[in-house]
Every structure is written in structure tokens, then in C-alpha cells.
Amino acid sequence: MDNLLIQSHNVLRWAVVILGLYAVTKAILGLLKKQEYTPNHNLSATLFLSSVDLQLLLGLALYVARGWASKFSDMAGTMSDSVTRFWAIEHAITMIIAAVLVHIGRSKSKKATTAAKKHKISLIFFGIAFLLIMYMIPWSFKPEGIARSLWP
């Protein structure tokens, strides 16, 4: 079960990256070209949000399955080990923050009254969330214990 979760989480990373890049690009182009907020813009935001939500669900399941939640009982030990700190604290909390930002951006952009505001809000919130996600992904060039292969 643990192996299936980690492989699914690893594969879904690419959906999040691609759909995040797509949503941010749509927001940039919409703002720069003064485009209307079309169903395509709405779809890009919805797909990004959905992929982040699914990834977060898988990540939380992995967090529990791998026992990272139990690391809070020995916070001094957790914080002194960079690998344990990354998985138990940094990765999890940053990805939750990114997911919250995507949700806030989606909600605020839907409520905005003009197309320019919709694009600007989407760009700000999705852009920050996307940067956080990209930074916290355990890319293959990260230190040993943190790095994961690009594909399962």
C-alpha cells in the first residue's frame, strides 16, 4: 500500500507541475493581453486546484502511513535531522500552505468583478503557490534522503 501511494504521489507531481504552469501562464497572458476571463481560464484554474487537492490527499495519506506525524513527539530530534525535518515539517507544511493559496486564489478570482482582477488574483495566488510547490518537490538533485527519482 505504501509503495502504491508513493508511486501515485510521484506521478501526480507531474500533473500538478503541468497544470500549475498552465494556470499561471493563462493568468499572465490574460493580464498582459487584457483578455476576457473565458471558460478556458476557468478550466485551467479548476484543473490546477483539482490536481493539488488530489496530491494533498495522497500526501496526507503518505504522511500517516510513513509515520511522519509521530515525529512531533520528539521535536528536538526532528528539527536536528535535516531529512526528518524536511519530510515531517517543511514539505508537509509548505505544501498545505500552497494548497490553501490555490483555494484562496480560486475563490477570490471567482468573486472578482472584472476580468483584469480575475487574472491578477489568479496570477498572484497561483504563482506563489506554484513557486512554493516547485521549491518543495523532492527533485532528484536534492540531498540524499530527500531526493526522489523523476519517475517511479
N, C-alpha and C. Protein backbone atom coordinates (compact mmCIF):
# COMPACT_ATOMS: atom_id res chain seq x y z
N MET A 1 0.83 -1.20 0.00
CA MET A 1 0.00 0.00 0.00
C MET A 1 0.87 1.26 0.00
N ASP A 2 1.90 1.26 0.84
CA ASP A 2 2.81 2.40 0.93
C ASP A 2 3.48 2.66 -0.41
N ASN A 3 3.90 1.60 -1.09
CA ASN A 3 4.56 1.74 -2.38
C ASN A 3 3.62 2.32 -3.44
N LEU A 4 2.38 1.88 -3.44
CA LEU A 4 1.38 2.40 -4.39
C LEU A 4 1.13 3.88 -4.13
N LEU A 5 1.05 4.26 -2.87
CA LEU A 5 0.84 5.67 -2.52
C LEU A 5 2.00 6.54 -2.99
N ILE A 6 3.22 6.11 -2.73
CA ILE A 6 4.38 6.92 -3.11
C ILE A 6 4.52 7.02 -4.63
N GLN A 7 4.23 5.93 -5.34
CA GLN A 7 4.29 5.97 -6.80
C GLN A 7 3.21 6.88 -7.37
N SER A 8 2.01 6.79 -6.83
CA SER A 8 0.92 7.66 -7.28
C SER A 8 1.24 9.13 -7.00
N HIS A 9 1.77 9.39 -5.84
CA HIS A 9 2.15 10.75 -5.45
C HIS A 9 3.24 11.27 -6.37
N ASN A 10 4.18 10.42 -6.72
CA ASN A 10 5.28 10.79 -7.61
C ASN A 10 4.78 11.10 -9.02
N VAL A 11 3.88 10.29 -9.54
CA VAL A 11 3.35 10.50 -10.89
C VAL A 11 2.47 11.76 -10.92
N LEU A 12 1.63 11.92 -9.90
CA LEU A 12 0.72 13.06 -9.87
C LEU A 12 1.47 14.39 -9.74
N ARG A 13 2.70 14.32 -9.25
CA ARG A 13 3.52 15.54 -9.18
C ARG A 13 3.55 16.22 -10.54
N TRP A 14 3.66 15.42 -11.61
CA TRP A 14 3.77 15.99 -12.95
C TRP A 14 2.48 16.66 -13.39
N ALA A 15 1.35 16.13 -12.99
CA ALA A 15 0.08 16.78 -13.30
C ALA A 15 0.00 18.14 -12.60
N VAL A 16 0.42 18.19 -11.35
CA VAL A 16 0.41 19.45 -10.60
C VAL A 16 1.34 20.46 -11.26
N VAL A 17 2.53 20.03 -11.63
CA VAL A 17 3.50 20.93 -12.26
C VAL A 17 2.97 21.45 -13.60
N ILE A 18 2.48 20.56 -14.43
CA ILE A 18 1.99 20.96 -15.75
C ILE A 18 0.75 21.84 -15.64
N LEU A 19 -0.21 21.42 -14.81
CA LEU A 19 -1.44 22.20 -14.69
C LEU A 19 -1.19 23.52 -13.95
N GLY A 20 -0.25 23.54 -13.03
CA GLY A 20 0.10 24.79 -12.37
C GLY A 20 0.74 25.77 -13.34
N LEU A 21 1.66 25.25 -14.14
CA LEU A 21 2.30 26.09 -15.16
C LEU A 21 1.27 26.61 -16.15
N TYR A 22 0.33 25.76 -16.51
CA TYR A 22 -0.74 26.15 -17.44
C TYR A 22 -1.61 27.26 -16.83
N ALA A 23 -2.01 27.10 -15.58
CA ALA A 23 -2.87 28.09 -14.92
C ALA A 23 -2.15 29.43 -14.76
N VAL A 24 -0.89 29.39 -14.38
CA VAL A 24 -0.11 30.62 -14.20
C VAL A 24 0.10 31.30 -15.57
N THR A 25 0.40 30.52 -16.58
CA THR A 25 0.59 31.07 -17.92
C THR A 25 -0.69 31.71 -18.44
N LYS A 26 -1.82 31.04 -18.23
CA LYS A 26 -3.11 31.60 -18.66
C LYS A 26 -3.38 32.93 -17.94
N ALA A 27 -3.05 33.00 -16.67
CA ALA A 27 -3.26 34.23 -15.91
C ALA A 27 -2.34 35.35 -16.42
N ILE A 28 -1.08 35.02 -16.69
CA ILE A 28 -0.14 36.03 -17.21
C ILE A 28 -0.62 36.55 -18.56
N LEU A 29 -0.94 35.64 -19.46
CA LEU A 29 -1.39 36.05 -20.79
C LEU A 29 -2.69 36.82 -20.73
N GLY A 30 -3.61 36.39 -19.86
CA GLY A 30 -4.87 37.09 -19.71
C GLY A 30 -4.67 38.51 -19.23
N LEU A 31 -3.73 38.70 -18.34
CA LEU A 31 -3.44 40.02 -17.80
C LEU A 31 -2.71 40.89 -18.83
N LEU A 32 -1.69 40.33 -19.45
CA LEU A 32 -0.89 41.11 -20.41
C LEU A 32 -1.68 41.46 -21.68
N LYS A 33 -2.49 40.53 -22.14
CA LYS A 33 -3.24 40.75 -23.38
C LYS A 33 -4.63 41.33 -23.13
N LYS A 34 -4.91 41.63 -21.86
CA LYS A 34 -6.20 42.19 -21.47
C LYS A 34 -7.37 41.35 -22.01
N GLN A 35 -7.26 40.04 -21.81
CA GLN A 35 -8.28 39.11 -22.30
C GLN A 35 -9.46 39.05 -21.33
N GLU A 36 -10.56 38.65 -21.86
CA GLU A 36 -11.71 38.33 -21.02
C GLU A 36 -11.37 37.07 -20.23
N TYR A 37 -12.05 36.86 -19.14
CA TYR A 37 -11.86 35.63 -18.35
C TYR A 37 -12.79 34.59 -18.97
N THR A 38 -12.23 33.71 -19.77
CA THR A 38 -13.01 32.77 -20.56
C THR A 38 -13.19 31.44 -19.83
N PRO A 39 -14.03 30.56 -20.36
CA PRO A 39 -14.14 29.22 -19.78
C PRO A 39 -12.81 28.47 -19.76
N ASN A 40 -11.90 28.77 -20.69
CA ASN A 40 -10.57 28.14 -20.68
C ASN A 40 -9.76 28.58 -19.47
N HIS A 41 -9.87 29.85 -19.10
CA HIS A 41 -9.19 30.34 -17.90
C HIS A 41 -9.77 29.65 -16.67
N ASN A 42 -11.08 29.55 -16.65
CA ASN A 42 -11.76 28.88 -15.54
C ASN A 42 -11.34 27.41 -15.46
N LEU A 43 -11.26 26.76 -16.59
CA LEU A 43 -10.86 25.35 -16.63
C LEU A 43 -9.43 25.16 -16.13
N SER A 44 -8.52 26.04 -16.54
CA SER A 44 -7.13 25.91 -16.09
C SER A 44 -7.04 26.04 -14.57
N ALA A 45 -7.80 26.96 -14.00
CA ALA A 45 -7.81 27.14 -12.54
C ALA A 45 -8.41 25.92 -11.85
N THR A 46 -9.49 25.41 -12.40
CA THR A 46 -10.16 24.24 -11.81
C THR A 46 -9.27 23.00 -11.87
N LEU A 47 -8.60 22.79 -12.98
CA LEU A 47 -7.72 21.63 -13.12
C LEU A 47 -6.52 21.72 -12.17
N PHE A 48 -5.96 22.91 -12.03
CA PHE A 48 -4.85 23.09 -11.10
C PHE A 48 -5.31 22.81 -9.67
N LEU A 49 -6.44 23.38 -9.30
CA LEU A 49 -6.99 23.17 -7.97
C LEU A 49 -7.27 21.69 -7.71
N SER A 50 -7.85 21.02 -8.67
CA SER A 50 -8.19 19.60 -8.51
C SER A 50 -6.94 18.73 -8.37
N SER A 51 -5.93 19.02 -9.17
CA SER A 51 -4.70 18.23 -9.09
C SER A 51 -4.00 18.46 -7.75
N VAL A 52 -4.01 19.70 -7.28
CA VAL A 52 -3.40 20.00 -5.98
C VAL A 52 -4.17 19.29 -4.86
N ASP A 53 -5.49 19.31 -4.94
CA ASP A 53 -6.30 18.64 -3.91
C ASP A 53 -6.04 17.14 -3.87
N LEU A 54 -5.99 16.52 -5.03
CA LEU A 54 -5.72 15.08 -5.08
C LEU A 54 -4.32 14.77 -4.56
N GLN A 55 -3.36 15.59 -4.95
CA GLN A 55 -1.98 15.40 -4.49
C GLN A 55 -1.89 15.58 -2.97
N LEU A 56 -2.60 16.55 -2.44
CA LEU A 56 -2.62 16.78 -1.00
C LEU A 56 -3.23 15.59 -0.27
N LEU A 57 -4.29 15.04 -0.81
CA LEU A 57 -4.93 13.87 -0.21
C LEU A 57 -3.97 12.68 -0.17
N LEU A 58 -3.30 12.43 -1.28
CA LEU A 58 -2.30 11.35 -1.32
C LEU A 58 -1.14 11.64 -0.37
N GLY A 59 -0.71 12.88 -0.33
CA GLY A 59 0.38 13.27 0.55
C GLY A 59 0.04 13.08 2.02
N LEU A 60 -1.17 13.43 2.41
CA LEU A 60 -1.59 13.25 3.80
C LEU A 60 -1.68 11.76 4.15
N ALA A 61 -2.15 10.96 3.19
CA ALA A 61 -2.19 9.51 3.42
C ALA A 61 -0.77 8.96 3.60
N LEU A 62 0.16 9.44 2.80
CA LEU A 62 1.57 9.03 2.95
C LEU A 62 2.15 9.51 4.27
N TYR A 63 1.79 10.70 4.67
CA TYR A 63 2.28 11.28 5.92
C TYR A 63 1.92 10.38 7.10
N VAL A 64 0.70 9.89 7.08
CA VAL A 64 0.24 9.00 8.15
C VAL A 64 0.87 7.61 7.98
N ALA A 65 0.84 7.07 6.76
CA ALA A 65 1.35 5.72 6.51
C ALA A 65 2.84 5.60 6.83
N ARG A 66 3.60 6.64 6.59
CA ARG A 66 5.04 6.60 6.83
C ARG A 66 5.43 7.01 8.25
N GLY A 67 4.45 7.39 9.05
CA GLY A 67 4.72 7.71 10.45
C GLY A 67 5.33 9.07 10.71
N TRP A 68 5.21 9.99 9.75
CA TRP A 68 5.81 11.32 9.95
C TRP A 68 5.10 12.09 11.04
N ALA A 69 3.82 11.85 11.23
CA ALA A 69 3.07 12.57 12.27
C ALA A 69 3.61 12.28 13.66
N SER A 70 4.15 11.09 13.85
CA SER A 70 4.68 10.72 15.17
C SER A 70 5.96 11.48 15.50
N LYS A 71 6.56 12.12 14.53
CA LYS A 71 7.82 12.85 14.75
C LYS A 71 7.62 14.10 15.61
N PHE A 72 6.37 14.53 15.78
CA PHE A 72 6.09 15.71 16.61
C PHE A 72 6.34 15.43 18.09
N SER A 73 6.35 14.16 18.47
CA SER A 73 6.58 13.83 19.88
C SER A 73 8.03 14.07 20.30
N ASP A 74 8.94 14.08 19.33
CA ASP A 74 10.35 14.36 19.61
C ASP A 74 10.80 15.51 18.71
N MET A 75 10.30 16.70 19.00
CA MET A 75 10.56 17.83 18.13
C MET A 75 12.04 18.20 18.07
N ALA A 76 12.76 18.06 19.17
CA ALA A 76 14.20 18.37 19.16
C ALA A 76 14.93 17.44 18.21
N GLY A 77 14.62 16.16 18.25
CA GLY A 77 15.24 15.20 17.35
C GLY A 77 14.84 15.44 15.90
N THR A 78 13.58 15.76 15.69
CA THR A 78 13.08 16.03 14.34
C THR A 78 13.78 17.23 13.73
N MET A 79 13.90 18.29 14.49
CA MET A 79 14.50 19.52 13.98
C MET A 79 16.01 19.41 13.78
N SER A 80 16.65 18.50 14.49
CA SER A 80 18.11 18.37 14.36
C SER A 80 18.53 17.51 13.17
N ASP A 81 17.60 16.74 12.62
CA ASP A 81 17.91 15.89 11.46
C ASP A 81 17.26 16.51 10.22
N SER A 82 18.08 16.93 9.25
CA SER A 82 17.55 17.67 8.09
C SER A 82 16.58 16.85 7.24
N VAL A 83 16.80 15.56 7.11
CA VAL A 83 15.91 14.72 6.32
C VAL A 83 14.56 14.57 7.02
N THR A 84 14.59 14.24 8.29
CA THR A 84 13.35 14.09 9.05
C THR A 84 12.61 15.42 9.10
N ARG A 85 13.33 16.51 9.31
CA ARG A 85 12.71 17.84 9.35
C ARG A 85 12.04 18.16 8.02
N PHE A 86 12.72 17.83 6.91
CA PHE A 86 12.14 18.10 5.59
C PHE A 86 10.80 17.39 5.44
N TRP A 87 10.78 16.07 5.69
CA TRP A 87 9.56 15.30 5.46
C TRP A 87 8.48 15.56 6.50
N ALA A 88 8.85 15.65 7.76
CA ALA A 88 7.85 15.79 8.82
C ALA A 88 7.30 17.21 8.94
N ILE A 89 8.12 18.20 8.60
CA ILE A 89 7.72 19.59 8.82
C ILE A 89 7.68 20.40 7.52
N GLU A 90 8.83 20.59 6.90
CA GLU A 90 8.96 21.54 5.80
C GLU A 90 8.10 21.18 4.59
N HIS A 91 8.24 19.98 4.09
CA HIS A 91 7.50 19.56 2.91
C HIS A 91 6.00 19.59 3.18
N ALA A 92 5.59 19.00 4.27
CA ALA A 92 4.16 18.90 4.57
C ALA A 92 3.52 20.27 4.78
N ILE A 93 4.11 21.08 5.61
CA ILE A 93 3.50 22.38 5.92
C ILE A 93 3.51 23.31 4.70
N THR A 94 4.61 23.32 3.97
CA THR A 94 4.68 24.19 2.79
C THR A 94 3.67 23.77 1.73
N MET A 95 3.50 22.47 1.53
CA MET A 95 2.53 22.01 0.54
C MET A 95 1.10 22.29 0.98
N ILE A 96 0.83 22.22 2.26
CA ILE A 96 -0.51 22.58 2.76
C ILE A 96 -0.75 24.07 2.54
N ILE A 97 0.24 24.89 2.82
CA ILE A 97 0.13 26.33 2.59
C ILE A 97 -0.13 26.61 1.10
N ALA A 98 0.59 25.91 0.23
CA ALA A 98 0.40 26.09 -1.22
C ALA A 98 -1.02 25.72 -1.62
N ALA A 99 -1.53 24.62 -1.08
CA ALA A 99 -2.90 24.20 -1.40
C ALA A 99 -3.91 25.25 -0.92
N VAL A 100 -3.68 25.79 0.25
CA VAL A 100 -4.57 26.84 0.78
C VAL A 100 -4.53 28.07 -0.14
N LEU A 101 -3.35 28.45 -0.60
CA LEU A 101 -3.22 29.58 -1.50
C LEU A 101 -3.97 29.35 -2.82
N VAL A 102 -3.90 28.14 -3.34
CA VAL A 102 -4.63 27.82 -4.57
C VAL A 102 -6.13 27.97 -4.32
N HIS A 103 -6.60 27.48 -3.20
CA HIS A 103 -8.03 27.60 -2.87
C HIS A 103 -8.45 29.06 -2.70
N ILE A 104 -7.65 29.83 -2.01
CA ILE A 104 -7.98 31.25 -1.81
C ILE A 104 -7.99 31.97 -3.16
N GLY A 105 -6.97 31.71 -3.97
CA GLY A 105 -6.91 32.34 -5.29
C GLY A 105 -8.09 31.97 -6.16
N ARG A 106 -8.46 30.72 -6.12
CA ARG A 106 -9.61 30.27 -6.93
C ARG A 106 -10.89 30.96 -6.45
N SER A 107 -11.10 30.98 -5.16
CA SER A 107 -12.31 31.59 -4.60
C SER A 107 -12.36 33.09 -4.87
N LYS A 108 -11.26 33.78 -4.62
CA LYS A 108 -11.22 35.23 -4.82
C LYS A 108 -11.36 35.59 -6.30
N SER A 109 -10.76 34.80 -7.18
CA SER A 109 -10.85 35.12 -8.61
C SER A 109 -12.28 34.91 -9.13
N LYS A 110 -12.98 33.94 -8.57
CA LYS A 110 -14.37 33.72 -8.98
C LYS A 110 -15.25 34.89 -8.54
N LYS A 111 -14.91 35.50 -7.41
CA LYS A 111 -15.72 36.60 -6.87
C LYS A 111 -15.35 37.96 -7.47
N ALA A 112 -14.21 38.04 -8.12
CA ALA A 112 -13.78 39.32 -8.70
C ALA A 112 -14.76 39.77 -9.77
N THR A 113 -14.88 41.08 -9.91
CA THR A 113 -15.91 41.61 -10.81
C THR A 113 -15.43 41.90 -12.22
N THR A 114 -14.12 42.06 -12.41
CA THR A 114 -13.61 42.32 -13.76
C THR A 114 -12.63 41.22 -14.17
N ALA A 115 -12.47 41.09 -15.47
CA ALA A 115 -11.55 40.08 -16.00
C ALA A 115 -10.12 40.37 -15.54
N ALA A 116 -9.73 41.64 -15.54
CA ALA A 116 -8.37 42.00 -15.13
C ALA A 116 -8.12 41.60 -13.68
N LYS A 117 -9.09 41.81 -12.81
CA LYS A 117 -8.94 41.42 -11.41
C LYS A 117 -8.85 39.90 -11.28
N LYS A 118 -9.66 39.20 -12.05
CA LYS A 118 -9.65 37.73 -12.01
C LYS A 118 -8.27 37.21 -12.39
N HIS A 119 -7.70 37.76 -13.46
CA HIS A 119 -6.38 37.33 -13.92
C HIS A 119 -5.30 37.70 -12.90
N LYS A 120 -5.38 38.90 -12.34
CA LYS A 120 -4.38 39.36 -11.39
C LYS A 120 -4.40 38.52 -10.12
N ILE A 121 -5.58 38.27 -9.59
CA ILE A 121 -5.71 37.44 -8.38
C ILE A 121 -5.21 36.03 -8.66
N SER A 122 -5.59 35.46 -9.79
CA SER A 122 -5.13 34.13 -10.17
C SER A 122 -3.61 34.09 -10.24
N LEU A 123 -3.04 35.09 -10.89
CA LEU A 123 -1.58 35.13 -11.04
C LEU A 123 -0.88 35.21 -9.69
N ILE A 124 -1.34 36.07 -8.83
CA ILE A 124 -0.69 36.24 -7.53
C ILE A 124 -0.77 34.96 -6.70
N PHE A 125 -1.97 34.45 -6.50
CA PHE A 125 -2.13 33.29 -5.62
C PHE A 125 -1.60 32.01 -6.25
N PHE A 126 -1.92 31.77 -7.52
CA PHE A 126 -1.42 30.56 -8.18
C PHE A 126 0.09 30.64 -8.36
N GLY A 127 0.60 31.83 -8.65
CA GLY A 127 2.04 31.99 -8.84
C GLY A 127 2.83 31.70 -7.58
N ILE A 128 2.38 32.25 -6.46
CA ILE A 128 3.07 31.99 -5.19
C ILE A 128 2.97 30.51 -4.83
N ALA A 129 1.77 29.95 -4.97
CA ALA A 129 1.59 28.52 -4.67
C ALA A 129 2.47 27.66 -5.57
N PHE A 130 2.53 27.99 -6.84
CA PHE A 130 3.34 27.22 -7.79
C PHE A 130 4.82 27.28 -7.42
N LEU A 131 5.30 28.45 -7.05
CA LEU A 131 6.71 28.58 -6.64
C LEU A 131 6.99 27.76 -5.38
N LEU A 132 6.09 27.80 -4.41
CA LEU A 132 6.27 27.00 -3.19
C LEU A 132 6.30 25.51 -3.53
N ILE A 133 5.39 25.09 -4.40
CA ILE A 133 5.32 23.69 -4.79
C ILE A 133 6.63 23.27 -5.48
N MET A 134 7.08 24.09 -6.42
CA MET A 134 8.31 23.76 -7.15
C MET A 134 9.51 23.68 -6.21
N TYR A 135 9.55 24.56 -5.23
CA TYR A 135 10.66 24.57 -4.28
C TYR A 135 10.66 23.34 -3.38
N MET A 136 9.48 22.88 -2.99
CA MET A 136 9.39 21.79 -2.02
C MET A 136 9.27 20.39 -2.64
N ILE A 137 9.16 20.31 -3.94
CA ILE A 137 9.17 18.99 -4.57
C ILE A 137 10.53 18.35 -4.33
N PRO A 138 10.56 17.09 -3.93
CA PRO A 138 11.86 16.43 -3.68
C PRO A 138 12.54 16.00 -4.99
N TRP A 139 12.98 16.98 -5.75
CA TRP A 139 13.63 16.72 -7.04
C TRP A 139 14.85 15.82 -6.86
N SER A 140 15.27 15.20 -7.93
CA SER A 140 16.38 14.24 -7.88
C SER A 140 17.71 14.90 -7.51
N PHE A 141 17.85 16.21 -7.66
CA PHE A 141 19.09 16.89 -7.31
C PHE A 141 19.15 17.33 -5.84
N LYS A 142 18.09 17.10 -5.09
CA LYS A 142 18.08 17.46 -3.66
C LYS A 142 18.99 16.49 -2.89
N PRO A 143 19.32 16.83 -1.65
CA PRO A 143 20.22 15.97 -0.87
C PRO A 143 19.69 14.54 -0.68
N GLU A 144 20.60 13.64 -0.42
CA GLU A 144 20.24 12.23 -0.18
C GLU A 144 19.27 12.13 0.99
N GLY A 145 18.29 11.27 0.82
CA GLY A 145 17.26 11.11 1.84
C GLY A 145 16.03 11.95 1.52
N ILE A 146 16.24 13.00 0.77
CA ILE A 146 15.15 13.87 0.35
C ILE A 146 14.83 13.63 -1.12
N ALA A 147 15.85 13.48 -1.93
CA ALA A 147 15.69 13.34 -3.38
C ALA A 147 14.85 12.12 -3.74
N ARG A 148 14.03 12.30 -4.74
CA ARG A 148 13.23 11.22 -5.32
C ARG A 148 13.47 11.22 -6.82
N SER A 149 13.32 10.07 -7.43
CA SER A 149 13.51 9.99 -8.88
C SER A 149 12.42 10.79 -9.58
N LEU A 150 12.71 11.17 -10.81
CA LEU A 150 11.75 11.96 -11.57
C LEU A 150 10.51 11.16 -11.96
N TRP A 151 10.64 9.87 -12.00
CA TRP A 151 9.54 8.98 -12.36
C TRP A 151 9.68 7.70 -11.52
N PRO A 152 8.56 7.13 -11.09
CA PRO A 152 8.69 5.93 -10.20
C PRO A 152 9.44 4.77 -10.81
